[in-house]
């Protein structure tokens, strides 16, 4: 699974990859190496972040639904006796 990103976002990510390798590892990598690393992250690692985002969204929707159910229950009226 890969994610489509606008070209300007992809370029920003590649620049951050280049900066990271230089700052953290003392390695100077070029645009091609950054592109390859980006593709690795996008194809092989990104799915984990995506799935966690889906799980987080699901949990949030479930919490909202519980609150909605409580709100609706509070609107119930009892019949007159």
C-alpha atoms as a PDB file:
ATOM      1  CA  UNK A   1       0.000   0.000   0.000  1.00  0.00           C
ATOM      2  CA  UNK A   2       1.406   3.363  -0.900  1.00  0.00           C
ATOM      3  CA  UNK A   3       0.062   6.814  -0.287  1.00  0.00           C
ATOM      4  CA  UNK A   4      -0.248   9.529  -2.864  1.00  0.00           C
ATOM      5  CA  UNK A   5       1.052  12.835  -1.661  1.00  0.00           C
ATOM      6  CA  UNK A   6       1.234  16.156  -3.438  1.00  0.00           C
ATOM      7  CA  UNK A   7       4.649  16.725  -5.022  1.00  0.00           C
ATOM      8  CA  UNK A   8       5.460  19.605  -2.672  1.00  0.00           C
ATOM      9  CA  UNK A   9       4.820  17.363   0.369  1.00  0.00           C
ATOM     10  CA  UNK A  10       6.947  14.614  -1.138  1.00  0.00           C
ATOM     11  CA  UNK A  11       9.770  17.101  -1.745  1.00  0.00           C
ATOM     12  CA  UNK A  12       9.505  18.409   1.840  1.00  0.00           C
ATOM     13  CA  UNK A  13       9.741  14.852   3.169  1.00  0.00           C
ATOM     14  CA  UNK A  14      12.785  14.068   1.033  1.00  0.00           C
ATOM     15  CA  UNK A  15      14.489  17.230   2.333  1.00  0.00           C
ATOM     16  CA  UNK A  16      13.739  16.177   5.897  1.00  0.00           C
ATOM     17  CA  UNK A  17      15.198  12.733   5.192  1.00  0.00           C
ATOM     18  CA  UNK A  18      18.388  14.308   3.834  1.00  0.00           C
ATOM     19  CA  UNK A  19      18.606  16.598   6.890  1.00  0.00           C
ATOM     20  CA  UNK A  20      17.980  13.689   9.263  1.00  0.00           C
ATOM     21  CA  UNK A  21      20.722  11.509   7.795  1.00  0.00           C
ATOM     22  CA  UNK A  22      23.181  14.387   8.010  1.00  0.00           C
ATOM     23  CA  UNK A  23      22.227  15.540  11.518  1.00  0.00           C
ATOM     24  CA  UNK A  24      21.730  12.151  13.190  1.00  0.00           C
ATOM     25  CA  UNK A  25      24.103   9.899  11.286  1.00  0.00           C
ATOM     26  CA  UNK A  26      26.660  12.303   9.855  1.00  0.00           C
ATOM     27  CA  UNK A  27      25.897  10.951   6.377  1.00  0.00           C
ATOM     28  CA  UNK A  28      25.360  13.040   3.301  1.00  0.00           C
ATOM     29  CA  UNK A  29      22.828  11.409   1.038  1.00  0.00           C
ATOM     30  CA  UNK A  30      21.586  12.681  -2.261  1.00  0.00           C
ATOM     31  CA  UNK A  31      18.153  13.159  -3.703  1.00  0.00           C
ATOM     32  CA  UNK A  32      18.044   9.653  -5.195  1.00  0.00           C
ATOM     33  CA  UNK A  33      18.883   7.981  -1.870  1.00  0.00           C
ATOM     34  CA  UNK A  34      16.290  10.143  -0.129  1.00  0.00           C
ATOM     35  CA  UNK A  35      13.751   9.190  -2.814  1.00  0.00           C
ATOM     36  CA  UNK A  36      14.508   5.495  -2.322  1.00  0.00           C
ATOM     37  CA  UNK A  37      14.201   5.806   1.454  1.00  0.00           C
ATOM     38  CA  UNK A  38      10.930   7.699   1.012  1.00  0.00           C
ATOM     39  CA  UNK A  39       9.595   4.899  -1.184  1.00  0.00           C
ATOM     40  CA  UNK A  40      10.618   2.326   1.425  1.00  0.00           C
ATOM     41  CA  UNK A  41       8.784   4.232   4.145  1.00  0.00           C
ATOM     42  CA  UNK A  42       5.766   4.794   1.927  1.00  0.00           C
ATOM     43  CA  UNK A  43       5.483   1.215   0.688  1.00  0.00           C
ATOM     44  CA  UNK A  44       6.642  -0.856   3.667  1.00  0.00           C
ATOM     45  CA  UNK A  45       6.216   1.236   6.813  1.00  0.00           C
ATOM     46  CA  UNK A  46       3.409   3.665   6.049  1.00  0.00           C
ATOM     47  CA  UNK A  47       0.739   0.988   6.349  1.00  0.00           C
ATOM     48  CA  UNK A  48       1.361   0.757  10.110  1.00  0.00           C
ATOM     49  CA  UNK A  49       0.785   4.490  10.576  1.00  0.00           C
ATOM     50  CA  UNK A  50      -2.256   4.357   8.311  1.00  0.00           C
ATOM     51  CA  UNK A  51      -3.799   1.450  10.209  1.00  0.00           C
ATOM     52  CA  UNK A  52      -3.178   3.154  13.546  1.00  0.00           C
ATOM     53  CA  UNK A  53      -4.888   6.275  12.209  1.00  0.00           C
ATOM     54  CA  UNK A  54      -7.880   4.181  11.187  1.00  0.00           C
ATOM     55  CA  UNK A  55      -8.000   2.567  14.646  1.00  0.00           C
ATOM     56  CA  UNK A  56      -7.762   5.975  16.351  1.00  0.00           C
ATOM     57  CA  UNK A  57     -10.574   7.339  14.148  1.00  0.00           C
ATOM     58  CA  UNK A  58     -12.704   4.268  14.876  1.00  0.00           C
ATOM     59  CA  UNK A  59     -12.229   4.712  18.624  1.00  0.00           C
ATOM     60  CA  UNK A  60     -13.147   8.383  18.402  1.00  0.00           C
ATOM     61  CA  UNK A  61     -16.316   7.632  16.414  1.00  0.00           C
ATOM     62  CA  UNK A  62     -17.298   4.929  18.921  1.00  0.00           C
ATOM     63  CA  UNK A  63     -16.877   7.397  21.802  1.00  0.00           C
ATOM     64  CA  UNK A  64     -18.960   9.990  19.976  1.00  0.00           C
ATOM     65  CA  UNK A  65     -21.683   7.401  19.283  1.00  0.00           C
ATOM     66  CA  UNK A  66     -21.810   6.435  22.960  1.00  0.00           C
ATOM     67  CA  UNK A  67     -22.255  10.082  23.863  1.00  0.00           C
ATOM     68  CA  UNK A  68     -24.969  10.449  21.243  1.00  0.00           C
ATOM     69  CA  UNK A  69     -26.789   7.388  22.584  1.00  0.00           C
ATOM     70  CA  UNK A  70     -26.676   8.869  26.092  1.00  0.00           C
ATOM     71  CA  UNK A  71     -27.995  12.192  24.789  1.00  0.00           C
ATOM     72  CA  UNK A  72     -30.849  10.459  22.974  1.00  0.00           C
ATOM     73  CA  UNK A  73     -31.722   8.371  26.029  1.00  0.00           C
ATOM     74  CA  UNK A  74     -31.914  11.520  28.131  1.00  0.00           C
ATOM     75  CA  UNK A  75     -34.623  12.811  25.772  1.00  0.00           C
ATOM     76  CA  UNK A  76     -36.957   9.854  26.428  1.00  0.00           C
ATOM     77  CA  UNK A  77     -40.165  10.702  28.147  1.00  0.00           C
ATOM     78  CA  UNK A  78     -42.073   8.466  30.502  1.00  0.00           C
ATOM     79  CA  UNK A  79     -45.743   7.818  29.811  1.00  0.00           C
ATOM     80  CA  UNK A  80     -48.297   9.336  32.190  1.00  0.00           C
ATOM     81  CA  UNK A  81     -49.844   6.952  34.690  1.00  0.00           C
END
